[in-house]
Amino acid sequence: MSKNLNNSLSTPAVEKSTGHTPSAPAPSHLPDSMIASVGLLPEGERLILFTRHSLRERSDGNGFASYQLPLTPKGRILAKSWGRWLAGHLPYSLDVDSISSPIGRCIDTAQLMQEGAGLRREITHQSLLVEPGSLVTEPEIANPIFKEIGVLNFINRFLQGNLEGTKNTYQGGLDLLSLFYQHQPQHGHLMLAVSHDTLLSAFLAVMFDRVEIDWNDWPKMMEGVFLWFDDKPFDQANAHFVWRGKIYTRPISALLDAHRKAGLHPSTLLLPPEVRLR
């Protein structure tokens, strides 16, 4: 990311990770960062892979990708081979239901990754993994702006709180964290959460407390963040995540404080039902 880390973000002790680096070659076209991240994963956690879908057909020159665009043949091969690789080289079971954006290329990515792992599990469509949902609340306002200024400027204006028709920045990040928290698999399992570049880039920027990103920060197709939580109530837990070969920890309480300081009430958040914030 393009700015220095804020004080509420830290890297945990090295002993949290297994330090294993699988020797098998990575699937063709997989972003290099994914294998670097795999080598830092802990063992025995309730792991989530929040990933962008696999390789798709090209979008227009302004970054607008129709929801009708499918995976390419190479993208289908990549998703399946990545699922096979994860199942064969991680100390985690992928035998768990997945969650996905309801858009075809995301569902196909999840299904192909399951097939590569030798599985056929349920794939639940989640509205928070697509737009409108996680960031956009009023598409009739936000969509014309998106098409006018392009995807990167759109995300940066969202991060700066200067974009009509969208949620508060921290609300968007907290809603996604709550979704993942409520869908954690059992210990020693890895759940897939397949979405789009806009949501993943905005989520990571919130986790890093950024108000601006650039194209170097942008997630590639089939690039994702590994995520897990402490075994604590949502509002008391840390969110640990591995992105591009580095481990980070973000206290959820820090995000809740930032949301509160923005003058917003906790009732606007999609929190787990057992959380009762004043």
C-alpha atoms as a PDB file:
ATOM      1  CA  MET A   1       0.000   0.000   0.000  1.00  0.00           C
ATOM      2  CA  SER A   2       1.066   3.530  -0.644  1.00  0.00           C
ATOM      3  CA  LYS A   3       1.190   5.063   2.865  1.00  0.00           C
ATOM      4  CA  ASN A   4       2.775   4.212   6.220  1.00  0.00           C
ATOM      5  CA  LEU A   5       0.917   1.869   8.560  1.00  0.00           C
ATOM      6  CA  ASN A   6      -1.214   3.348  11.280  1.00  0.00           C
ATOM      7  CA  ASN A   7      -0.464   2.510  14.911  1.00  0.00           C
ATOM      8  CA  SER A   8      -3.420   0.128  15.242  1.00  0.00           C
ATOM      9  CA  LEU A   9      -1.928  -2.184  12.619  1.00  0.00           C
ATOM     10  CA  SER A  10       0.945  -4.453  13.586  1.00  0.00           C
ATOM     11  CA  THR A  11       2.770  -7.590  12.581  1.00  0.00           C
ATOM     12  CA  PRO A  12       2.477 -10.526  14.974  1.00  0.00           C
ATOM     13  CA  ALA A  13       5.433 -12.502  16.265  1.00  0.00           C
ATOM     14  CA  VAL A  14       7.153 -14.753  13.761  1.00  0.00           C
ATOM     15  CA  GLU A  15       6.231 -17.868  15.707  1.00  0.00           C
ATOM     16  CA  LYS A  16       2.584 -17.476  14.715  1.00  0.00           C
ATOM     17  CA  SER A  17       3.417 -18.779  11.240  1.00  0.00           C
ATOM     18  CA  THR A  18       4.399 -22.278  10.230  1.00  0.00           C
ATOM     19  CA  GLY A  19       7.274 -21.047   8.100  1.00  0.00           C
ATOM     20  CA  HIS A  20       6.530 -23.809   5.586  1.00  0.00           C
ATOM     21  CA  THR A  21       7.238 -23.034   1.944  1.00  0.00           C
ATOM     22  CA  PRO A  22       5.829 -25.714  -0.369  1.00  0.00           C
ATOM     23  CA  SER A  23       8.328 -26.793  -2.988  1.00  0.00           C
ATOM     24  CA  ALA A  24       5.775 -27.689  -5.663  1.00  0.00           C
ATOM     25  CA  PRO A  25       5.582 -25.191  -8.536  1.00  0.00           C
ATOM     26  CA  ALA A  26       2.763 -22.695  -8.464  1.00  0.00           C
ATOM     27  CA  PRO A  27      -0.060 -22.947 -11.016  1.00  0.00           C
ATOM     28  CA  SER A  28       0.569 -21.015 -14.210  1.00  0.00           C
ATOM     29  CA  HIS A  29      -0.685 -17.398 -14.150  1.00  0.00           C
ATOM     30  CA  LEU A  30      -1.084 -17.376 -10.351  1.00  0.00           C
ATOM     31  CA  PRO A  31       0.177 -14.073  -8.859  1.00  0.00           C
ATOM     32  CA  ASP A  32       3.576 -14.583  -7.208  1.00  0.00           C
ATOM     33  CA  SER A  33       2.328 -13.050  -3.977  1.00  0.00           C
ATOM     34  CA  MET A  34       0.090 -16.017  -3.250  1.00  0.00           C
ATOM     35  CA  ILE A  35       2.903 -18.519  -2.778  1.00  0.00           C
ATOM     36  CA  ALA A  36       4.823 -15.968  -0.687  1.00  0.00           C
ATOM     37  CA  SER A  37       1.739 -15.636   1.532  1.00  0.00           C
ATOM     38  CA  VAL A  38       1.198 -19.385   1.828  1.00  0.00           C
ATOM     39  CA  GLY A  39       4.611 -19.730   3.452  1.00  0.00           C
ATOM     40  CA  LEU A  40       3.487 -17.485   6.327  1.00  0.00           C
ATOM     41  CA  LEU A  41       0.213 -19.167   7.214  1.00  0.00           C
ATOM     42  CA  PRO A  42      -0.323 -20.440  10.755  1.00  0.00           C
ATOM     43  CA  GLU A  43      -1.640 -23.911  11.469  1.00  0.00           C
ATOM     44  CA  GLY A  44      -4.954 -24.877  13.009  1.00  0.00           C
ATOM     45  CA  GLU A  45      -6.778 -21.567  12.526  1.00  0.00           C
ATOM     46  CA  ARG A  46     -10.227 -20.960  11.049  1.00  0.00           C
ATOM     47  CA  LEU A  47      -8.836 -19.675   7.791  1.00  0.00           C
ATOM     48  CA  ILE A  48     -10.580 -17.652   5.089  1.00  0.00           C
ATOM     49  CA  LEU A  49      -9.234 -16.860   1.625  1.00  0.00           C
ATOM     50  CA  PHE A  50     -10.886 -13.638   0.433  1.00  0.00           C
ATOM     51  CA  THR A  51      -9.933 -13.653  -3.212  1.00  0.00           C
ATOM     52  CA  ARG A  52     -10.578 -11.925  -6.475  1.00  0.00           C
ATOM     53  CA  HIS A  53     -12.014 -14.215  -9.132  1.00  0.00           C
ATOM     54  CA  SER A  54      -9.801 -15.892 -11.724  1.00  0.00           C
ATOM     55  CA  LEU A  55      -8.791 -14.539 -15.153  1.00  0.00           C
ATOM     56  CA  ARG A  56     -11.743 -13.013 -17.040  1.00  0.00           C
ATOM     57  CA  GLU A  57     -12.356 -11.409 -20.404  1.00  0.00           C
ATOM     58  CA  ARG A  58     -11.119  -7.822 -20.801  1.00  0.00           C
ATOM     59  CA  SER A  59     -13.015  -4.823 -19.465  1.00  0.00           C
ATOM     60  CA  ASP A  60     -13.287  -1.446 -21.175  1.00  0.00           C
ATOM     61  CA  GLY A  61     -10.468   1.094 -20.960  1.00  0.00           C
ATOM     62  CA  ASN A  62     -11.892   2.809 -17.880  1.00  0.00           C
ATOM     63  CA  GLY A  63     -11.867  -0.303 -15.708  1.00  0.00           C
ATOM     64  CA  PHE A  64     -15.589  -0.977 -16.067  1.00  0.00           C
ATOM     65  CA  ALA A  65     -16.117  -4.746 -16.189  1.00  0.00           C
ATOM     66  CA  SER A  66     -19.619  -5.875 -17.064  1.00  0.00           C
ATOM     67  CA  TYR A  67     -20.981  -8.523 -14.734  1.00  0.00           C
ATOM     68  CA  GLN A  68     -21.594 -10.595 -17.861  1.00  0.00           C
ATOM     69  CA  LEU A  69     -17.873 -11.059 -18.568  1.00  0.00           C
ATOM     70  CA  PRO A  70     -16.934 -14.730 -18.083  1.00  0.00           C
ATOM     71  CA  LEU A  71     -13.713 -16.429 -17.068  1.00  0.00           C
ATOM     72  CA  THR A  72     -11.323 -17.129 -19.907  1.00  0.00           C
ATOM     73  CA  PRO A  73     -10.264 -20.725 -20.654  1.00  0.00           C
ATOM     74  CA  LYS A  74      -6.944 -19.962 -18.901  1.00  0.00           C
ATOM     75  CA  GLY A  75      -8.903 -18.539 -15.973  1.00  0.00           C
ATOM     76  CA  ARG A  76     -10.884 -21.739 -15.602  1.00  0.00           C
ATOM     77  CA  ILE A  77      -7.716 -23.823 -15.648  1.00  0.00           C
ATOM     78  CA  LEU A  78      -6.066 -21.504 -13.105  1.00  0.00           C
ATOM     79  CA  ALA A  79      -8.974 -21.664 -10.646  1.00  0.00           C
ATOM     80  CA  LYS A  80      -9.083 -25.450 -10.784  1.00  0.00           C
ATOM     81  CA  SER A  81      -5.325 -25.890 -10.505  1.00  0.00           C
ATOM     82  CA  TRP A  82      -5.125 -23.383  -7.613  1.00  0.00           C
ATOM     83  CA  GLY A  83      -7.778 -25.308  -5.703  1.00  0.00           C
ATOM     84  CA  ARG A  84      -5.880 -28.542  -6.339  1.00  0.00           C
ATOM     85  CA  TRP A  85      -2.615 -26.926  -5.215  1.00  0.00           C
ATOM     86  CA  LEU A  86      -4.102 -25.575  -1.974  1.00  0.00           C
ATOM     87  CA  ALA A  87      -5.700 -28.912  -1.123  1.00  0.00           C
ATOM     88  CA  GLY A  88      -2.443 -30.733  -1.741  1.00  0.00           C
ATOM     89  CA  HIS A  89       0.048 -28.398  -0.065  1.00  0.00           C
ATOM     90  CA  LEU A  90      -1.635 -26.717   2.908  1.00  0.00           C
ATOM     91  CA  PRO A  91      -2.271 -28.250   6.351  1.00  0.00           C
ATOM     92  CA  TYR A  92      -5.902 -27.193   5.886  1.00  0.00           C
ATOM     93  CA  SER A  93      -9.013 -28.921   4.584  1.00  0.00           C
ATOM     94  CA  LEU A  94     -11.055 -27.121   1.920  1.00  0.00           C
ATOM     95  CA  ASP A  95     -14.006 -29.414   2.636  1.00  0.00           C
ATOM     96  CA  VAL A  96     -16.297 -26.584   3.680  1.00  0.00           C
ATOM     97  CA  ASP A  97     -19.024 -24.500   2.002  1.00  0.00           C
ATOM     98  CA  SER A  98     -17.877 -21.406   0.111  1.00  0.00           C
ATOM     99  CA  ILE A  99     -19.332 -17.911  -0.138  1.00  0.00           C
ATOM    100  CA  SER A 100     -19.269 -15.881  -3.338  1.00  0.00           C
ATOM    101  CA  SER A 101     -20.470 -12.849  -5.179  1.00  0.00           C
ATOM    102  CA  PRO A 102     -23.564 -13.912  -7.159  1.00  0.00           C
ATOM    103  CA  ILE A 103     -21.816 -12.930 -10.404  1.00  0.00           C
ATOM    104  CA  GLY A 104     -21.053 -15.843 -12.719  1.00  0.00           C
ATOM    105  CA  ARG A 105     -17.267 -15.512 -12.890  1.00  0.00           C
ATOM    106  CA  CYS A 106     -17.018 -15.538  -9.085  1.00  0.00           C
ATOM    107  CA  ILE A 107     -19.326 -18.528  -8.682  1.00  0.00           C
ATOM    108  CA  ASP A 108     -17.374 -20.348 -11.404  1.00  0.00           C
ATOM    109  CA  THR A 109     -14.097 -19.556  -9.634  1.00  0.00           C
ATOM    110  CA  ALA A 110     -15.360 -21.029  -6.357  1.00  0.00           C
ATOM    111  CA  GLN A 111     -16.817 -24.084  -8.082  1.00  0.00           C
ATOM    112  CA  LEU A 112     -13.648 -24.759 -10.085  1.00  0.00           C
ATOM    113  CA  MET A 113     -11.445 -24.356  -7.016  1.00  0.00           C
ATOM    114  CA  GLN A 114     -13.654 -26.860  -5.208  1.00  0.00           C
ATOM    115  CA  GLU A 115     -13.440 -29.247  -8.156  1.00  0.00           C
ATOM    116  CA  GLY A 116      -9.662 -28.918  -8.186  1.00  0.00           C
ATOM    117  CA  ALA A 117      -9.677 -29.876  -4.494  1.00  0.00           C
ATOM    118  CA  GLY A 118     -11.866 -32.882  -5.309  1.00  0.00           C
ATOM    119  CA  LEU A 119     -14.935 -31.372  -3.635  1.00  0.00           C
ATOM    120  CA  ARG A 120     -18.497 -30.367  -4.377  1.00  0.00           C
ATOM    121  CA  ARG A 121     -19.716 -28.099  -1.580  1.00  0.00           C
ATOM    122  CA  GLU A 122     -22.460 -25.494  -1.418  1.00  0.00           C
ATOM    123  CA  ILE A 123     -21.612 -22.023  -2.710  1.00  0.00           C
ATOM    124  CA  THR A 124     -23.726 -19.387  -0.965  1.00  0.00           C
ATOM    125  CA  HIS A 125     -24.325 -16.138  -2.853  1.00  0.00           C
ATOM    126  CA  GLN A 126     -23.533 -13.134  -0.661  1.00  0.00           C
ATOM    127  CA  SER A 127     -24.761  -9.651  -1.555  1.00  0.00           C
ATOM    128  CA  LEU A 128     -21.893  -8.091   0.437  1.00  0.00           C
ATOM    129  CA  LEU A 129     -19.413  -9.602  -2.029  1.00  0.00           C
ATOM    130  CA  VAL A 130     -20.784  -7.633  -4.983  1.00  0.00           C
ATOM    131  CA  GLU A 131     -21.999  -4.115  -5.703  1.00  0.00           C
ATOM    132  CA  PRO A 132     -24.343  -2.695  -4.673  1.00  0.00           C
ATOM    133  CA  GLY A 133     -23.713  -4.234  -1.262  1.00  0.00           C
ATOM    134  CA  SER A 134     -20.416  -3.726   0.491  1.00  0.00           C
ATOM    135  CA  LEU A 135     -19.617  -0.193  -0.657  1.00  0.00           C
ATOM    136  CA  VAL A 136     -22.453   1.130  -2.825  1.00  0.00           C
ATOM    137  CA  THR A 137     -25.905   1.807  -1.357  1.00  0.00           C
ATOM    138  CA  GLU A 138     -27.448   3.893  -4.139  1.00  0.00           C
ATOM    139  CA  PRO A 139     -26.296   2.564  -7.522  1.00  0.00           C
ATOM    140  CA  GLU A 140     -28.349   5.103  -9.439  1.00  0.00           C
ATOM    141  CA  ILE A 141     -26.058   7.786  -7.950  1.00  0.00           C
ATOM    142  CA  ALA A 142     -22.757   5.911  -7.722  1.00  0.00           C
ATOM    143  CA  ASN A 143     -22.731   4.045 -11.050  1.00  0.00           C
ATOM    144  CA  PRO A 144     -22.607   7.141 -13.317  1.00  0.00           C
ATOM    145  CA  ILE A 145     -19.723   8.503 -11.213  1.00  0.00           C
ATOM    146  CA  PHE A 146     -17.915   5.163 -11.547  1.00  0.00           C
ATOM    147  CA  LYS A 147     -18.200   5.249 -15.333  1.00  0.00           C
ATOM    148  CA  GLU A 148     -17.107   8.895 -15.471  1.00  0.00           C
ATOM    149  CA  ILE A 149     -13.996   8.819 -13.249  1.00  0.00           C
ATOM    150  CA  GLY A 150     -12.828   5.207 -13.524  1.00  0.00           C
ATOM    151  CA  VAL A 151     -12.365   2.470 -10.986  1.00  0.00           C
ATOM    152  CA  LEU A 152      -9.227   3.692  -9.174  1.00  0.00           C
ATOM    153  CA  ASN A 153     -10.512   7.236  -8.680  1.00  0.00           C
ATOM    154  CA  PHE A 154     -13.834   5.772  -7.563  1.00  0.00           C
ATOM    155  CA  ILE A 155     -12.219   3.703  -4.813  1.00  0.00           C
ATOM    156  CA  ASN A 156     -10.035   6.615  -3.677  1.00  0.00           C
ATOM    157  CA  ARG A 157     -13.017   8.918  -3.408  1.00  0.00           C
ATOM    158  CA  PHE A 158     -14.799   6.227  -1.385  1.00  0.00           C
ATOM    159  CA  LEU A 159     -11.785   5.965   0.948  1.00  0.00           C
ATOM    160  CA  GLN A 160     -11.755   9.739   1.384  1.00  0.00           C
ATOM    161  CA  GLY A 161     -15.467   9.832   2.232  1.00  0.00           C
ATOM    162  CA  ASN A 162     -16.152  11.944  -0.821  1.00  0.00           C
ATOM    163  CA  LEU A 163     -18.468   9.736  -2.852  1.00  0.00           C
ATOM    164  CA  GLU A 164     -22.240   9.984  -2.940  1.00  0.00           C
ATOM    165  CA  GLY A 165     -24.312   6.838  -2.877  1.00  0.00           C
ATOM    166  CA  THR A 166     -21.862   4.775  -0.795  1.00  0.00           C
ATOM    167  CA  LYS A 167     -21.375   3.637   2.797  1.00  0.00           C
ATOM    168  CA  ASN A 168     -18.980   5.172   5.260  1.00  0.00           C
ATOM    169  CA  THR A 169     -15.494   3.775   4.633  1.00  0.00           C
ATOM    170  CA  TYR A 170     -15.228   1.944   7.961  1.00  0.00           C
ATOM    171  CA  GLN A 171     -18.778   0.663   7.688  1.00  0.00           C
ATOM    172  CA  GLY A 172     -17.887  -1.079   4.434  1.00  0.00           C
ATOM    173  CA  GLY A 173     -14.833  -2.730   5.961  1.00  0.00           C
ATOM    174  CA  LEU A 174     -16.605  -3.734   9.175  1.00  0.00           C
ATOM    175  CA  ASP A 175     -19.558  -5.228   7.305  1.00  0.00           C
ATOM    176  CA  LEU A 176     -17.179  -7.493   5.370  1.00  0.00           C
ATOM    177  CA  LEU A 177     -15.291  -8.454   8.526  1.00  0.00           C
ATOM    178  CA  SER A 178     -18.590  -9.304  10.204  1.00  0.00           C
ATOM    179  CA  LEU A 179     -19.572 -11.459   7.226  1.00  0.00           C
ATOM    180  CA  PHE A 180     -16.303 -13.383   7.412  1.00  0.00           C
ATOM    181  CA  TYR A 181     -16.479 -13.684  11.198  1.00  0.00           C
ATOM    182  CA  GLN A 182     -19.955 -15.204  11.007  1.00  0.00           C
ATOM    183  CA  HIS A 183     -18.898 -17.690   8.309  1.00  0.00           C
ATOM    184  CA  GLN A 184     -15.677 -18.911   9.881  1.00  0.00           C
ATOM    185  CA  PRO A 185     -15.061 -22.599   9.215  1.00  0.00           C
ATOM    186  CA  GLN A 186     -13.957 -25.094  11.823  1.00  0.00           C
ATOM    187  CA  HIS A 187     -10.366 -25.023  13.017  1.00  0.00           C
ATOM    188  CA  GLY A 188      -8.002 -26.502  10.456  1.00  0.00           C
ATOM    189  CA  HIS A 189     -10.312 -25.644   7.550  1.00  0.00           C
ATOM    190  CA  LEU A 190     -10.055 -23.045   4.775  1.00  0.00           C
ATOM    191  CA  MET A 191     -13.153 -21.292   3.447  1.00  0.00           C
ATOM    192  CA  LEU A 192     -13.246 -19.555   0.073  1.00  0.00           C
ATOM    193  CA  ALA A 193     -14.828 -16.100  -0.264  1.00  0.00           C
ATOM    194  CA  VAL A 194     -14.762 -15.035  -3.930  1.00  0.00           C
ATOM    195  CA  SER A 195     -15.386 -11.431  -4.932  1.00  0.00           C
ATOM    196  CA  HIS A 196     -14.189  -8.563  -7.145  1.00  0.00           C
ATOM    197  CA  ASP A 197     -11.171  -6.259  -7.332  1.00  0.00           C
ATOM    198  CA  THR A 198     -13.067  -3.165  -6.172  1.00  0.00           C
ATOM    199  CA  LEU A 199     -14.236  -4.769  -2.938  1.00  0.00           C
ATOM    200  CA  LEU A 200     -10.910  -6.411  -2.191  1.00  0.00           C
ATOM    201  CA  SER A 201      -8.941  -3.208  -2.844  1.00  0.00           C
ATOM    202  CA  ALA A 202     -11.278  -1.121  -0.673  1.00  0.00           C
ATOM    203  CA  PHE A 203     -11.289  -3.722   2.113  1.00  0.00           C
ATOM    204  CA  LEU A 204      -7.484  -3.845   2.227  1.00  0.00           C
ATOM    205  CA  ALA A 205      -7.241  -0.049   2.207  1.00  0.00           C
ATOM    206  CA  VAL A 206      -9.570   0.096   5.215  1.00  0.00           C
ATOM    207  CA  MET A 207      -7.511  -2.557   6.992  1.00  0.00           C
ATOM    208  CA  PHE A 208      -4.370  -0.520   6.296  1.00  0.00           C
ATOM    209  CA  ASP A 209      -6.160   2.743   7.185  1.00  0.00           C
ATOM    210  CA  ARG A 210      -5.416   4.276   3.775  1.00  0.00           C
ATOM    211  CA  VAL A 211      -7.196   7.198   2.154  1.00  0.00           C
ATOM    212  CA  GLU A 212      -5.499   6.674  -1.203  1.00  0.00           C
ATOM    213  CA  ILE A 213      -4.137   3.711  -3.174  1.00  0.00           C
ATOM    214  CA  ASP A 214      -2.508   3.372  -6.590  1.00  0.00           C
ATOM    215  CA  TRP A 215      -2.338   0.694  -9.279  1.00  0.00           C
ATOM    216  CA  ASN A 216       0.540  -1.046  -7.488  1.00  0.00           C
ATOM    217  CA  ASP A 217      -1.903  -1.795  -4.665  1.00  0.00           C
ATOM    218  CA  TRP A 218      -4.579  -3.173  -6.954  1.00  0.00           C
ATOM    219  CA  PRO A 219      -5.298  -6.927  -6.553  1.00  0.00           C
ATOM    220  CA  LYS A 220      -4.597  -9.059  -9.586  1.00  0.00           C
ATOM    221  CA  MET A 221      -7.007 -11.705 -10.796  1.00  0.00           C
ATOM    222  CA  MET A 222      -6.827 -14.783  -8.539  1.00  0.00           C
ATOM    223  CA  GLU A 223      -4.949 -12.760  -5.908  1.00  0.00           C
ATOM    224  CA  GLY A 224      -6.333 -12.790  -2.392  1.00  0.00           C
ATOM    225  CA  VAL A 225      -5.804 -12.182   1.298  1.00  0.00           C
ATOM    226  CA  PHE A 226      -5.704 -14.974   3.900  1.00  0.00           C
ATOM    227  CA  LEU A 227      -7.616 -13.979   7.030  1.00  0.00           C
ATOM    228  CA  TRP A 228      -8.390 -15.365  10.485  1.00  0.00           C
ATOM    229  CA  PHE A 229      -9.711 -14.079  13.813  1.00  0.00           C
ATOM    230  CA  ASP A 230      -8.923 -14.573  17.487  1.00  0.00           C
ATOM    231  CA  ASP A 231     -11.347 -16.891  19.271  1.00  0.00           C
ATOM    232  CA  LYS A 232     -13.042 -13.955  20.974  1.00  0.00           C
ATOM    233  CA  PRO A 233     -16.289 -11.986  20.562  1.00  0.00           C
ATOM    234  CA  PHE A 234     -16.251  -9.937  17.359  1.00  0.00           C
ATOM    235  CA  ASP A 235     -15.752  -6.547  18.988  1.00  0.00           C
ATOM    236  CA  GLN A 236     -12.856  -7.872  21.117  1.00  0.00           C
ATOM    237  CA  ALA A 237     -11.062  -9.868  18.430  1.00  0.00           C
ATOM    238  CA  ASN A 238      -8.083  -9.069  16.253  1.00  0.00           C
ATOM    239  CA  ALA A 239      -8.280  -9.699  12.533  1.00  0.00           C
ATOM    240  CA  HIS A 240      -5.026 -11.282  11.353  1.00  0.00           C
ATOM    241  CA  PHE A 241      -4.296 -11.312   7.645  1.00  0.00           C
ATOM    242  CA  VAL A 242      -1.579 -12.198   5.164  1.00  0.00           C
ATOM    243  CA  TRP A 243      -1.257 -10.003   2.092  1.00  0.00           C
ATOM    244  CA  ARG A 244       1.553 -10.174  -0.444  1.00  0.00           C
ATOM    245  CA  GLY A 245       3.924 -12.093   1.759  1.00  0.00           C
ATOM    246  CA  LYS A 246       3.477 -10.154   5.025  1.00  0.00           C
ATOM    247  CA  ILE A 247       1.394 -10.819   8.149  1.00  0.00           C
ATOM    248  CA  TYR A 248      -0.620  -8.044   9.768  1.00  0.00           C
ATOM    249  CA  THR A 249      -2.947  -7.679  12.743  1.00  0.00           C
ATOM    250  CA  ARG A 250      -5.777  -5.158  12.998  1.00  0.00           C
ATOM    251  CA  PRO A 251      -7.871  -4.822  16.176  1.00  0.00           C
ATOM    252  CA  ILE A 252     -11.547  -4.729  15.260  1.00  0.00           C
ATOM    253  CA  SER A 253     -12.063  -2.334  18.172  1.00  0.00           C
ATOM    254  CA  ALA A 254      -9.902   0.241  16.309  1.00  0.00           C
ATOM    255  CA  LEU A 255     -12.215   0.065  13.293  1.00  0.00           C
ATOM    256  CA  LEU A 256     -15.274   0.364  15.524  1.00  0.00           C
ATOM    257  CA  ASP A 257     -13.734   3.431  17.191  1.00  0.00           C
ATOM    258  CA  ALA A 258     -13.061   5.022  13.801  1.00  0.00           C
ATOM    259  CA  HIS A 259     -16.641   4.343  12.757  1.00  0.00           C
ATOM    260  CA  ARG A 260     -17.903   5.913  15.990  1.00  0.00           C
ATOM    261  CA  LYS A 261     -15.653   8.966  15.593  1.00  0.00           C
ATOM    262  CA  ALA A 262     -17.191   9.525  12.168  1.00  0.00           C
ATOM    263  CA  GLY A 263     -20.434  10.232  14.026  1.00  0.00           C
ATOM    264  CA  LEU A 264     -22.171   7.013  13.021  1.00  0.00           C
ATOM    265  CA  HIS A 265     -24.227   4.764  15.254  1.00  0.00           C
ATOM    266  CA  PRO A 266     -23.378   1.041  15.555  1.00  0.00           C
ATOM    267  CA  SER A 267     -26.912   0.218  14.363  1.00  0.00           C
ATOM    268  CA  THR A 268     -25.760   1.066  10.815  1.00  0.00           C
ATOM    269  CA  LEU A 269     -23.345  -1.899  10.901  1.00  0.00           C
ATOM    270  CA  LEU A 270     -24.197  -5.466   9.926  1.00  0.00           C
ATOM    271  CA  LEU A 271     -22.711  -6.864  13.144  1.00  0.00           C
ATOM    272  CA  PRO A 272     -22.962 -10.446  14.425  1.00  0.00           C
ATOM    273  CA  PRO A 273     -26.231 -10.819  16.345  1.00  0.00           C
ATOM    274  CA  GLU A 274     -24.511 -11.418  19.703  1.00  0.00           C
ATOM    275  CA  VAL A 275     -22.717  -8.032  19.532  1.00  0.00           C
ATOM    276  CA  ARG A 276     -24.512  -5.264  21.408  1.00  0.00           C
ATOM    277  CA  LEU A 277     -22.642  -1.981  21.080  1.00  0.00           C
ATOM    278  CA  ARG A 278     -23.901   1.227  22.644  1.00  0.00           C
END
